[in-house]
Structure formats: structure tokens, C-alpha cells
Amino acid sequence: MNLTKIASKFFLPRQKELDRHYTDPEGLQRKVLNYLIEHGQHTEYGRNHLLGATKTYEDFAQNIPINTYDDLKSDIDRMRRGDPNVLWPGVVKWYAKSSGTTNDRSKFIPVTHDGIHNLHYKGGKDAVALYLRNNPDSRIFDGKSLILGGSHSPNYNLDGSLVGDLSAILIENINPLANLVRVPKKKTALLSDFEVKRDRIAKECINKNVTNISGVPSWMLSVLVRVMELSGKQHLEEVWPNLEVFFHGGIAFTPYRNQYEQLITSPNMHYMETYNASEGFFGIQDDPNDKAMLLMLDYGVFYEFIPLEEVGQDDAHVIPLEDVELDRNYAMVITTSCGLWRYMIGDTVKFTSKKPYKFLITGRTKYYINAFGEELIMENAEKGLAYACEHSGAQIREYTAAPVYMDSNAKCCHQWLIEFTKEPDSIEHFSNLLDSKLQEINSDYEAKRSHNVTLQHLEVVKARPNLFNDWLKSKQKLGGQHKVPRLSNSRKNMDELLEMN
């Protein structure tokens, strides 16, 4: 029996609904804004910011300030202690823990009942709906889904209230029927010790008929490597012959693509990127031949954007979706049914199309190097590293980069700490490739590198095996949705890593 053929029929109505992303995207966003205002006016935050009198986008932009986590932190902490109707109607019991702000080790993002069903789960279902539309011969439901999850713990000891990785909250609240098609066991999926979890997942799943995998590329690769060690096979399709798709998100896939393609050589393997974060589910790669993702517009998320060069300015222009320009970097601002009001999520995006709205993630507002006016963003780093790997045969597991500030001779450079899974024949050749590519794709970097006057040739330092995992473990951030900060103006992370190297 072809279970996928039967299951596919349940996705047909939604596939038709998704067409409105192509035909009436602005209409979808207007409907979402009205929904958010209608619900928000019954909250303490809504009353304080005149949501009851807010009728238009212009009113909304006038009445609600742009917020960072620190601006909402005191309200969120009261919600965590059980106060109702603060940022969203009712009591919010679930909080996704993500990497911290300047002032705190962690952020606690509210995950409301509305948000979990109409935002997070809806995104997961739509990823499958779009995959099935592109792959009508799929047999994805004829086997198991391997889904990586994090862990959670009680929140302030309130009954039924949890704080932890978003993936753990989703697994905890998932429809029990879904557990029939997913692996590993819930108890294993929610283990907090990633090294123990990795081993148990591999042992539980090695003899299952896994057809699809979902997770962060770096952590999933670690699990798959363990599966290969236990199986003694050369390629993953020898273990799971019916594996057909990897739904990935959380970090850029570019540094890992080559390793996955060597591990999985089947021509029937597909890769589908999703943009899901603790704050929401925002994008899905709807065309396998286009790296850009479709912005999801009917999930209870209203989008606004700030030109990247204006972030932090008091007079920064904040614009709605319909006013974005193509090929321009924007910081993303979201208002969601999880009670985040005009919230700067910290990610930067660039639109490649407006009908439909399709975009690429270009970095983080805080993950860039601009120590000398070079304005190096993560998109530049990913392209430069991909080029250097392609032309040197190298493969990268993890990396980070930071400036080496001017010495007494006014000499400075960028320092790259890279953990290779396959080293280049020459680190010097690799660094030359990276440096020249960065100059080609970033005119500011090229100008500062000109004649070695301001910025010297970059330095590549080889990291020992497992350095980054050991560093994350020392910070109790191994596994889940934690990720290595890629670029930073500060040397704090770099100096800690070099000391451990």
C-alpha cells in the first residue's frame, strides 16, 4: 500500500491555499495585521499602546515602538511567573530558550498555544506540502521521520509550564499520532546530554526504514556519522535505502553540503531549506532549483524591515513588506501571535523576488565584522568559504572569525579559526583563495585590503578536532538549536576558543 499517495490527498487543500502567496501576498499580510491587533488589544501591552484605537498600518507603526528582547524582558519574566494577558491573551506556558543578549546568557521566547499550532506546526506541514507538490512520486510517509530535538525543563516550577529548546517543546506537544511515524522515541529525543542522545538515536534508528530527516545540519551530521560508525557502511543509503529528503534549517547549509553529498550519494536525495527559529517559522524553499525561500505570510506573523545600514539609528526607516527593494540587506522586524510586538529578531535578509516574496538569509545584525569599515557579513563569509573549499578540496565542520585589532605599526587583519573535516593541501593556498574571493564580493573589504595599507591578508588558524563542540559543551550549549557565532567584532569568543585549541 502506498501510504504517501493516501496522505498526499490531505495536503491538497493547503497546496491550493498556498497559491495566494503568489497572487495576493499583501492581502495575506493585511489580514494577519488585523488578526494581531484584534487579539493584542485585549492585553496589557495592547492597552498601553492604544491597540484598541489602531485601525491602519500607519496607526500601528505610530503606536508600537521597535523592540529588542531587553525591551520586552520584564513582561516576559512576569508571563513566565504566571501573569495572564501581558503580551498575548491568556497564560503562556511554554518558552523557547535561545542564545542570549548582551545582558543575559539566554533569551526566553514565549510560545503561545496560537503560535505553536498556527505558526510552528503549520510551517512543518507546509514544508511537507510543498515537497509533495514538487515530488509527486514521493514515498515519504511509507517510512519513518528522524527528527532531532533538544531538551526542556520546568519553568519556575509552575504546573505544566516548560522552558527549553523549541524543538523539545514541539515534540512534547505533538499529536500522539505523529509519534507513530517519527523516530527516535520521545524519551530519547528529549535527552539533555547530546553525546548520550547521539549514540542512542543512532542505535534506535539504524534498523528503521527512515525516509526523511529533519534538523540543524551540524547536529544531524554528527548523528549520521555515528550511524555510519555503527553500521560499518560507506554510504547512508546502504543503511536507509528509502531516504529521500533532508529538511534543514537553523544554520547555513553551504559549509555542510559537500559532506552530505559524500555521505549520501543517491541521486534521489533532496534537500529543502526552512527558516524556523525560536521566534517563529518564516520561510520554506519552495523550488529545489532556487536557493531563495518563500516568505510565509499567513502564519500569524506580520513583517517589517529596516535597511541594514540604518539599524540602531533613531531615525531608521521601518517599512512594511510591500515597500522592500530587491537585493538590499534588511534587518527583519516581526509581530507574532506569540506576543512579540515589532520585535527585532536579529536576522538580516535580502529579497530576490516580490511576486512571490522570496528571500535569502544574509546574516545576523550582530554577526558581522566592521572593525575597520569593511562591513563583512555572513553571506560574504559563506560565499568565500564555499569558493575556497571548492578550489582547494577542503571541507569545513565549523568556523568563526574576528578582527585582530591594530598593533603599534597600525597593522590589522581578520583571523579565521576553522575546524576542517578535510584539510586543504595548503592552508596558505586556502587563505589566499578566501581572501581574494572576499575582495571580489565585498567592495568595502577590497578597499580596506588595497595595497595592505589598512587591512592585512587574513589569517587562517586550524582548529583541533571537536574544538567547537568542546567550547559549546563548556557553555552547556551542546546540541539542540545552539550554534557557533560565525562573525564577531569582539574577540571574546575567539580568544576563548584559541585558549582551548
Protein backbone atom coordinates (compact mmCIF):
# COMPACT_ATOMS: atom_id res chain seq x y z
CA MET A 1 0.00 0.00 0.00
CA ASN A 2 1.33 3.45 -0.96
CA LEU A 3 0.61 5.38 2.24
CA THR A 4 2.09 8.56 0.79
CA LYS A 5 -0.45 8.60 -2.04
CA ILE A 6 -3.24 8.43 0.54
CA ALA A 7 -1.65 11.03 2.86
CA SER A 8 -0.97 13.41 -0.03
CA LYS A 9 -4.70 13.97 -0.51
CA PHE A 10 -4.88 15.67 2.89
CA PHE A 11 -2.38 18.30 1.69
CA LEU A 12 -4.28 19.26 -1.49
CA PRO A 13 -6.49 21.98 0.08
CA ARG A 14 -3.48 23.64 1.68
CA GLN A 15 -1.49 23.45 -1.55
CA LYS A 16 -4.28 25.46 -3.21
CA GLU A 17 -4.31 27.99 -0.32
CA LEU A 18 -0.56 28.49 -0.70
CA ASP A 19 -1.16 29.89 -4.19
CA ARG A 20 -2.26 33.16 -2.54
CA HIS A 21 1.40 33.71 -1.60
CA TYR A 22 1.96 34.15 -5.33
CA THR A 23 -1.22 36.06 -6.24
CA ASP A 24 -2.14 38.20 -3.20
CA PRO A 25 0.76 38.42 -0.72
CA GLU A 26 -0.08 41.93 0.53
CA GLY A 27 -3.68 40.84 1.19
CA LEU A 28 -2.43 37.98 3.36
CA GLN A 29 -0.31 40.39 5.41
CA ARG A 30 -3.19 42.86 5.90
CA LYS A 31 -5.34 40.02 7.24
CA VAL A 32 -2.57 38.97 9.65
CA LEU A 33 -2.11 42.53 10.94
CA ASN A 34 -5.85 42.83 11.65
CA TYR A 35 -5.78 39.50 13.48
CA LEU A 36 -2.83 40.57 15.65
CA ILE A 37 -4.38 43.95 16.51
CA GLU A 38 -7.74 42.34 17.34
CA HIS A 39 -6.14 39.90 19.80
CA GLY A 40 -3.49 42.29 21.10
CA GLN A 41 -5.96 44.97 22.21
CA HIS A 42 -7.16 42.65 24.99
CA THR A 43 -3.69 42.52 26.56
CA GLU A 44 -1.88 44.79 28.98
CA TYR A 45 0.64 45.67 26.27
CA GLY A 46 -2.14 46.43 23.81
CA ARG A 47 -3.93 48.76 26.22
CA ASN A 48 -0.68 50.59 26.97
CA HIS A 49 -0.03 51.09 23.26
CA LEU A 50 -3.54 52.05 22.08
CA LEU A 51 -4.19 48.92 20.03
CA GLY A 52 -7.92 49.36 20.62
CA ALA A 53 -7.74 52.60 18.59
CA THR A 54 -5.35 51.19 15.98
CA LYS A 55 -7.05 50.78 12.59
CA THR A 56 -4.32 51.08 9.96
CA TYR A 57 -0.67 50.13 9.45
CA GLU A 58 0.24 53.79 9.95
CA ASP A 59 -1.52 53.76 13.36
CA PHE A 60 0.27 50.53 14.24
CA ALA A 61 3.70 51.93 13.33
CA GLN A 62 2.92 55.11 15.31
CA ASN A 63 1.64 53.40 18.46
CA ILE A 64 4.06 50.46 18.85
CA PRO A 65 7.82 51.05 19.27
CA ILE A 66 10.51 48.84 17.74
CA ASN A 67 11.50 46.34 20.45
CA THR A 68 14.52 44.25 21.31
CA TYR A 69 14.43 41.35 23.78
CA ASP A 70 15.65 43.65 26.54
CA ASP A 71 12.64 45.93 25.94
CA LEU A 72 10.19 43.03 26.46
CA LYS A 73 12.19 41.09 29.04
CA SER A 74 10.37 42.29 32.17
CA ASP A 75 6.97 41.50 30.61
CA ILE A 76 8.17 38.05 29.54
CA ASP A 77 9.50 37.33 33.02
CA ARG A 78 6.11 38.18 34.53
CA MET A 79 4.47 35.85 31.99
CA ARG A 80 6.89 33.09 32.98
CA ARG A 81 5.71 33.53 36.58
CA GLY A 82 2.09 33.03 35.55
CA ASP A 83 0.72 36.54 34.89
CA PRO A 84 -2.05 36.37 32.23
CA ASN A 85 -2.85 38.71 29.30
CA VAL A 86 0.50 40.50 29.32
CA LEU A 87 1.76 40.31 25.71
CA TRP A 88 -0.85 37.85 24.38
CA PRO A 89 -4.27 36.78 25.70
CA GLY A 90 -4.26 34.08 28.37
CA VAL A 91 -1.47 32.38 30.29
CA VAL A 92 1.57 31.33 28.24
CA LYS A 93 3.07 28.07 29.48
CA TRP A 94 5.91 27.38 27.04
CA TYR A 95 9.15 29.33 26.50
CA ALA A 96 11.79 28.61 23.87
CA LYS A 97 15.26 29.21 25.24
CA SER A 98 17.72 30.68 22.76
CA SER A 99 21.15 32.29 22.83
CA GLY A 100 21.36 35.38 24.97
CA THR A 101 21.56 39.12 24.63
CA THR A 102 24.31 41.49 25.71
CA ASN A 103 22.94 41.44 29.26
CA ASP A 104 21.75 37.84 29.63
CA ARG A 105 23.04 34.35 28.93
CA SER A 106 19.69 33.25 27.45
CA LYS A 107 16.52 34.65 25.95
CA PHE A 108 13.13 33.07 26.77
CA ILE A 109 10.79 33.43 23.80
CA PRO A 110 7.07 32.92 24.55
CA VAL A 111 5.44 30.08 22.60
CA THR A 112 1.66 30.55 22.84
CA HIS A 113 -1.00 27.98 22.00
CA ASP A 114 -1.87 30.02 18.91
CA GLY A 115 1.78 30.24 17.94
CA ILE A 116 2.56 26.56 18.36
CA HIS A 117 -0.31 25.49 16.08
CA ASN A 118 -0.68 28.34 13.58
CA LEU A 119 3.00 29.18 13.26
CA HIS A 120 5.39 26.37 14.15
CA TYR A 121 3.35 23.25 13.29
CA LYS A 122 1.84 24.97 10.26
CA GLY A 123 5.33 25.62 8.94
CA GLY A 124 6.29 21.98 9.29
CA LYS A 125 3.14 20.84 7.49
CA ASP A 126 3.69 23.37 4.69
CA ALA A 127 7.26 22.15 4.16
CA VAL A 128 5.81 18.69 3.52
CA ALA A 129 3.00 20.10 1.34
CA LEU A 130 5.46 21.96 -0.88
CA TYR A 131 7.82 18.97 -1.01
CA LEU A 132 4.99 16.68 -2.14
CA ARG A 133 3.95 19.18 -4.79
CA ASN A 134 7.48 19.14 -6.19
CA ASN A 135 7.88 15.37 -5.79
CA PRO A 136 4.61 13.62 -6.68
CA ASP A 137 6.29 10.18 -6.68
CA SER A 138 7.49 10.58 -3.07
CA ARG A 139 7.12 7.69 -0.59
CA ILE A 140 7.90 9.88 2.43
CA PHE A 141 5.03 8.51 4.56
CA ASP A 142 5.88 4.88 3.84
CA GLY A 143 8.67 5.03 6.41
CA LYS A 144 9.85 6.96 9.46
CA SER A 145 10.86 10.59 10.05
CA LEU A 146 14.07 11.11 12.01
CA ILE A 147 13.57 14.42 13.82
CA LEU A 148 16.27 15.86 16.07
CA GLY A 149 15.05 17.59 19.21
CA GLY A 150 16.60 19.43 22.12
CA SER A 151 15.62 19.22 25.78
CA HIS A 152 13.40 21.10 28.21
CA SER A 153 12.96 21.62 31.94
CA PRO A 154 10.25 23.02 34.27
CA ASN A 155 9.68 26.78 34.17
CA TYR A 156 9.78 28.34 37.66
CA ASN A 157 8.16 25.10 38.89
CA LEU A 158 4.77 26.20 37.52
CA ASP A 159 2.49 23.27 36.78
CA GLY A 160 2.66 22.25 33.12
CA SER A 161 4.99 25.12 32.20
CA LEU A 162 8.18 24.32 30.27
CA VAL A 163 11.31 26.13 29.14
CA GLY A 164 13.84 24.69 26.69
CA ASP A 165 14.73 24.21 23.03
CA LEU A 166 11.85 24.97 20.69
CA SER A 167 12.24 21.54 19.11
CA ALA A 168 11.69 19.91 22.52
CA ILE A 169 8.55 21.98 23.13
CA LEU A 170 7.21 20.92 19.73
CA ILE A 171 7.93 17.24 20.40
CA GLU A 172 6.29 17.49 23.84
CA ASN A 173 3.10 18.96 22.36
CA ILE A 174 2.90 16.99 19.13
CA ASN A 175 -0.19 14.98 18.23
CA PRO A 176 0.40 11.45 19.61
CA LEU A 177 -0.42 10.02 16.16
CA ALA A 178 2.72 11.71 14.81
CA ASN A 179 4.82 9.53 17.12
CA LEU A 180 3.79 6.55 15.01
CA VAL A 181 5.86 7.88 12.09
CA ARG A 182 8.73 9.63 13.85
CA VAL A 183 11.92 8.34 15.48
CA PRO A 184 13.64 8.23 17.93
CA LYS A 185 11.48 7.53 20.98
CA LYS A 186 10.26 10.66 22.73
CA LYS A 187 12.34 9.88 25.83
CA THR A 188 15.49 9.68 23.71
CA ALA A 189 14.63 12.78 21.66
CA LEU A 190 14.35 14.88 24.84
CA LEU A 191 17.61 13.78 26.49
CA SER A 192 19.72 16.76 27.55
CA ASP A 193 23.18 15.15 27.14
CA PHE A 194 23.80 15.38 23.39
CA GLU A 195 26.64 12.83 23.35
CA VAL A 196 24.45 10.22 25.03
CA LYS A 197 21.48 11.19 22.86
CA ARG A 198 23.52 10.96 19.66
CA ASP A 199 24.53 7.39 20.42
CA ARG A 200 21.01 6.30 21.42
CA ILE A 201 19.42 7.91 18.36
CA ALA A 202 21.84 6.07 16.09
CA LYS A 203 21.16 2.72 17.80
CA GLU A 204 17.37 3.19 17.80
CA CYS A 205 17.15 4.30 14.18
CA ILE A 206 19.77 2.22 12.41
CA ASN A 207 17.36 -0.61 11.59
CA LYS A 208 14.31 1.56 10.85
CA ASN A 209 13.02 2.49 7.40
CA VAL A 210 13.94 6.18 7.59
CA THR A 211 12.63 8.14 4.59
CA ASN A 212 13.24 11.70 5.77
CA ILE A 213 15.38 13.57 8.29
CA SER A 214 14.89 17.00 9.90
CA GLY A 215 17.23 19.13 11.96
CA VAL A 216 20.17 21.52 12.16
CA PRO A 217 22.85 20.42 9.62
CA SER A 218 25.75 20.35 12.08
CA TRP A 219 23.98 18.28 14.76
CA MET A 220 22.33 15.98 12.21
CA LEU A 221 25.70 15.31 10.58
CA SER A 222 27.09 14.27 13.96
CA VAL A 223 24.23 11.76 14.38
CA LEU A 224 24.64 10.41 10.84
CA VAL A 225 28.37 9.93 11.33
CA ARG A 226 27.57 7.82 14.40
CA VAL A 227 25.07 5.78 12.34
CA MET A 228 27.83 5.10 9.81
CA GLU A 229 30.28 4.10 12.55
CA LEU A 230 27.80 1.58 14.00
CA SER A 231 26.71 0.21 10.62
CA GLY A 232 30.16 -0.12 9.07
CA LYS A 233 28.68 1.04 5.75
CA GLN A 234 30.23 3.55 3.39
CA HIS A 235 27.13 5.49 2.39
CA LEU A 236 23.94 6.31 4.24
CA GLU A 237 21.65 4.88 1.54
CA GLU A 238 23.12 1.45 2.37
CA VAL A 239 21.59 1.88 5.85
CA TRP A 240 18.39 3.66 4.79
CA PRO A 241 17.77 2.82 1.11
CA ASN A 242 14.50 4.79 1.03
CA LEU A 243 15.89 8.04 2.46
CA GLU A 244 14.75 10.83 0.11
CA VAL A 245 14.84 14.27 1.80
CA PHE A 246 16.58 16.35 4.46
CA PHE A 247 14.52 19.27 5.81
CA HIS A 248 17.23 21.51 7.24
CA GLY A 249 17.40 24.89 8.94
CA GLY A 250 18.96 26.84 11.79
CA ILE A 251 22.33 27.49 10.14
CA ALA A 252 23.59 27.90 6.59
CA PHE A 253 23.84 24.62 4.69
CA THR A 254 26.67 25.70 2.36
CA PRO A 255 29.60 24.57 4.56
CA TYR A 256 28.00 21.15 5.03
CA ARG A 257 26.58 20.40 1.55
CA ASN A 258 29.71 18.68 0.26
CA GLN A 259 29.91 16.41 3.30
CA TYR A 260 26.26 15.40 2.95
CA GLU A 261 26.70 14.69 -0.75
CA GLN A 262 29.66 12.43 0.02
CA LEU A 263 27.74 10.68 2.79
CA ILE A 264 24.55 10.31 0.71
CA THR A 265 25.36 9.54 -2.93
CA SER A 266 21.85 8.56 -4.03
CA PRO A 267 20.62 10.66 -7.00
CA ASN A 268 17.14 10.54 -5.41
CA MET A 269 18.18 12.57 -2.35
CA HIS A 270 16.60 16.02 -1.93
CA TYR A 271 17.49 18.96 0.33
CA MET A 272 14.89 21.50 1.41
CA GLU A 273 15.77 24.55 3.49
CA THR A 274 13.40 26.01 6.07
CA TYR A 275 13.70 29.18 8.11
CA ASN A 276 12.44 28.18 11.52
CA ALA A 277 13.62 29.88 14.68
CA SER A 278 12.58 30.08 18.33
CA GLU A 279 10.58 33.19 17.38
CA GLY A 280 8.67 31.57 14.54
CA PHE A 281 8.61 29.73 11.23
CA PHE A 282 9.20 32.21 8.43
CA GLY A 283 10.31 30.63 5.17
CA ILE A 284 10.40 27.48 3.04
CA GLN A 285 12.41 26.66 -0.07
CA ASP A 286 9.53 26.05 -2.48
CA ASP A 287 11.67 25.50 -5.60
CA PRO A 288 14.55 22.97 -5.43
CA ASN A 289 16.36 24.89 -8.18
CA ASP A 290 16.24 28.20 -6.31
CA LYS A 291 18.14 28.75 -3.04
CA ALA A 292 15.76 31.56 -2.08
CA MET A 293 12.90 30.74 0.30
CA LEU A 294 9.23 31.68 0.05
CA LEU A 295 8.26 34.08 2.85
CA MET A 296 5.29 32.52 4.68
CA LEU A 297 2.65 35.21 5.02
CA ASP A 298 -0.40 33.64 6.73
CA TYR A 299 1.12 32.23 9.93
CA GLY A 300 0.19 35.00 12.37
CA VAL A 301 3.43 36.90 11.64
CA PHE A 302 3.43 40.49 10.36
CA TYR A 303 6.73 41.52 8.78
CA GLU A 304 8.55 44.83 8.68
CA PHE A 305 12.09 45.67 7.61
CA ILE A 306 14.87 48.14 8.43
CA PRO A 307 17.69 48.81 5.92
CA LEU A 308 20.75 47.20 7.48
CA GLU A 309 22.81 50.39 7.32
CA GLU A 310 20.15 52.20 9.39
CA VAL A 311 19.90 49.65 12.23
CA GLY A 312 20.45 51.39 15.55
CA GLN A 313 19.68 54.87 14.23
CA ASP A 314 16.91 56.83 15.94
CA ASP A 315 15.53 57.92 12.56
CA ALA A 316 15.78 54.49 10.88
CA HIS A 317 13.13 53.88 8.21
CA VAL A 318 10.91 50.92 9.12
CA ILE A 319 8.93 49.67 6.11
CA PRO A 320 6.21 47.07 5.52
CA LEU A 321 6.75 44.14 3.18
CA GLU A 322 5.29 45.83 0.10
CA ASP A 323 7.97 48.57 0.21
CA VAL A 324 11.08 46.35 0.21
CA GLU A 325 13.58 46.64 -2.63
CA LEU A 326 15.26 43.66 -4.26
CA ASP A 327 18.91 42.84 -3.48
CA ARG A 328 19.07 45.12 -0.44
CA ASN A 329 20.00 43.90 3.04
CA TYR A 330 17.33 44.39 5.69
CA ALA A 331 17.04 43.61 9.38
CA MET A 332 13.79 41.77 9.95
CA VAL A 333 11.16 43.02 12.40
CA ILE A 334 8.29 40.70 13.37
CA THR A 335 5.00 40.92 15.20
CA THR A 336 3.63 37.48 16.08
CA SER A 337 0.85 35.57 17.77
CA CYS A 338 3.44 34.62 20.42
CA GLY A 339 3.29 38.17 21.78
CA LEU A 340 6.38 39.64 20.13
CA TRP A 341 5.46 43.20 19.10
CA ARG A 342 7.60 44.88 16.38
CA TYR A 343 10.46 42.70 17.57
CA MET A 344 13.92 42.83 16.00
CA ILE A 345 14.75 39.16 15.61
CA GLY A 346 18.39 39.87 14.73
CA ASP A 347 18.45 38.22 11.30
CA THR A 348 19.20 40.01 8.05
CA VAL A 349 17.58 39.08 4.73
CA LYS A 350 17.72 40.08 1.08
CA PHE A 351 14.76 39.72 -1.30
CA THR A 352 15.25 38.16 -4.73
CA SER A 353 11.59 38.38 -5.85
CA LYS A 354 8.38 40.24 -4.91
CA LYS A 355 5.76 38.14 -6.73
CA PRO A 356 6.05 35.93 -4.78
CA TYR A 357 8.18 37.33 -1.94
CA LYS A 358 11.32 35.19 -1.89
CA PHE A 359 14.43 35.89 0.14
CA LEU A 360 17.83 34.72 1.27
CA ILE A 361 19.11 34.88 4.86
CA THR A 362 22.25 37.02 4.68
CA GLY A 363 23.34 37.01 8.32
CA ARG A 364 22.72 38.43 11.76
CA THR A 365 22.62 42.07 12.79
CA LYS A 366 25.19 41.22 15.46
CA TYR A 367 27.20 38.63 13.46
CA TYR A 368 29.39 40.72 11.19
CA ILE A 369 32.86 42.25 11.22
CA ASN A 370 33.04 46.00 10.77
CA ALA A 371 36.12 46.82 12.82
CA PHE A 372 37.79 48.84 10.05
CA GLY A 373 34.87 49.84 7.79
CA GLU A 374 34.89 46.56 5.84
CA GLU A 375 31.27 45.55 6.64
CA LEU A 376 31.83 41.81 6.21
CA ILE A 377 28.52 39.92 6.65
CA MET A 378 27.77 36.22 6.91
CA GLU A 379 26.64 35.97 3.28
CA ASN A 380 30.15 37.12 2.26
CA ALA A 381 31.75 34.58 4.62
CA GLU A 382 29.66 31.67 3.32
CA LYS A 383 30.40 32.52 -0.33
CA GLY A 384 34.10 32.99 0.35
CA LEU A 385 34.45 29.72 2.23
CA ALA A 386 32.44 27.80 -0.39
CA TYR A 387 34.79 29.11 -3.09
CA ALA A 388 37.92 28.28 -1.10
CA CYS A 389 36.66 24.77 -0.36
CA GLU A 390 35.67 24.15 -3.97
CA HIS A 391 39.11 25.16 -5.29
CA SER A 392 41.20 23.50 -2.58
CA GLY A 393 39.26 20.29 -1.93
CA ALA A 394 38.78 21.25 1.72
CA GLN A 395 35.69 20.54 3.83
CA ILE A 396 34.67 22.56 6.89
CA ARG A 397 32.90 21.41 10.04
CA GLU A 398 32.80 24.71 11.98
CA TYR A 399 34.36 28.16 11.86
CA THR A 400 34.39 31.59 13.45
CA ALA A 401 36.14 34.83 12.54
CA ALA A 402 37.09 38.01 14.41
CA PRO A 403 39.34 41.03 13.85
CA VAL A 404 42.91 41.31 15.05
CA TYR A 405 42.98 44.96 16.03
CA MET A 406 45.73 47.37 15.05
CA ASP A 407 49.14 46.92 16.59
CA SER A 408 51.73 49.66 17.16
CA ASN A 409 52.54 49.58 13.43
CA ALA A 410 48.82 50.11 12.57
CA LYS A 411 48.65 46.57 11.14
CA CYS A 412 45.43 44.60 11.49
CA CYS A 413 43.66 41.65 9.85
CA HIS A 414 40.82 39.18 10.10
CA GLN A 415 41.53 35.92 11.91
CA TRP A 416 39.61 32.78 10.90
CA LEU A 417 39.54 29.74 13.17
CA ILE A 418 38.42 26.75 11.08
CA GLU A 419 37.80 23.13 12.02
CA PHE A 420 38.25 21.09 8.86
CA THR A 421 36.79 17.65 8.23
CA LYS A 422 39.09 17.50 5.23
CA GLU A 423 42.13 19.78 5.31
CA PRO A 424 43.35 21.62 2.23
CA ASP A 425 46.79 20.62 0.94
CA SER A 426 47.97 24.09 1.87
CA ILE A 427 46.48 26.41 4.48
CA GLU A 428 48.27 29.29 2.74
CA HIS A 429 46.58 28.47 -0.60
CA PHE A 430 43.20 28.17 1.15
CA SER A 431 43.64 31.55 2.87
CA ASN A 432 44.65 33.17 -0.45
CA LEU A 433 41.51 31.81 -2.12
CA LEU A 434 39.31 33.04 0.74
CA ASP A 435 40.93 36.47 0.85
CA SER A 436 40.69 37.04 -2.90
CA LYS A 437 37.05 35.90 -3.04
CA LEU A 438 36.06 38.21 -0.17
CA GLN A 439 37.63 41.12 -2.05
CA GLU A 440 35.71 40.13 -5.19
CA ILE A 441 32.30 40.03 -3.48
CA ASN A 442 32.71 42.87 -0.93
CA SER A 443 33.97 46.20 -2.28
CA ASP A 444 34.42 47.64 1.24
CA TYR A 445 36.68 44.72 2.19
CA GLU A 446 38.56 45.13 -1.10
CA ALA A 447 39.09 48.85 -0.44
CA LYS A 448 40.45 48.22 3.06
CA ARG A 449 42.72 45.45 1.73
CA SER A 450 44.08 47.63 -1.06
CA HIS A 451 47.90 47.56 -1.01
CA ASN A 452 47.75 46.17 2.55
CA VAL A 453 47.50 49.74 3.79
CA THR A 454 44.69 49.29 6.35
CA LEU A 455 43.84 45.59 6.43
CA GLN A 456 46.47 42.89 6.04
CA HIS A 457 45.95 39.47 4.45
CA LEU A 458 43.61 37.36 6.57
CA GLU A 459 44.97 34.63 8.84
CA VAL A 460 43.57 31.09 8.95
CA VAL A 461 44.17 29.10 12.15
CA LYS A 462 43.50 25.36 12.06
CA ALA A 463 41.29 24.19 14.93
CA ARG A 464 41.85 20.83 16.56
CA PRO A 465 39.11 18.18 16.10
CA ASN A 466 35.98 18.80 18.24
CA LEU A 467 37.23 22.20 19.48
CA PHE A 468 33.91 23.93 18.79
CA ASN A 469 31.87 21.12 20.36
CA ASP A 470 34.08 21.23 23.44
CA TRP A 471 33.64 25.01 23.65
CA LEU A 472 29.83 24.72 23.32
CA LYS A 473 29.85 21.94 25.93
CA SER A 474 31.77 24.17 28.34
CA LYS A 475 28.93 26.67 27.99
CA GLN A 476 26.24 23.96 28.34
CA LYS A 477 25.15 24.63 24.75
CA LEU A 478 25.95 21.30 23.07
CA GLY A 479 23.13 20.07 20.81
CA GLY A 480 19.62 21.42 20.36
CA GLN A 481 19.38 24.66 18.42
CA HIS A 482 22.65 26.13 19.66
CA LYS A 483 25.10 27.29 17.04
CA VAL A 484 28.61 28.69 16.83
CA PRO A 485 28.70 32.51 16.37
CA ARG A 486 30.28 32.89 12.92
CA LEU A 487 31.45 36.51 12.79
CA SER A 488 32.04 38.99 15.59
CA ASN A 489 33.57 42.41 16.12
CA SER A 490 34.57 41.20 19.58
CA ARG A 491 37.47 38.82 20.22
CA LYS A 492 35.84 37.29 23.31
CA ASN A 493 34.71 34.02 21.66
CA MET A 494 37.85 33.80 19.52
CA ASP A 495 40.20 34.20 22.47
CA GLU A 496 38.31 31.57 24.49
CA LEU A 497 38.49 29.13 21.57
CA LEU A 498 42.18 29.77 20.90
CA GLU A 499 42.93 29.14 24.56
CA MET A 500 41.17 25.74 24.29
CA ASN A 501 42.90 24.97 20.99
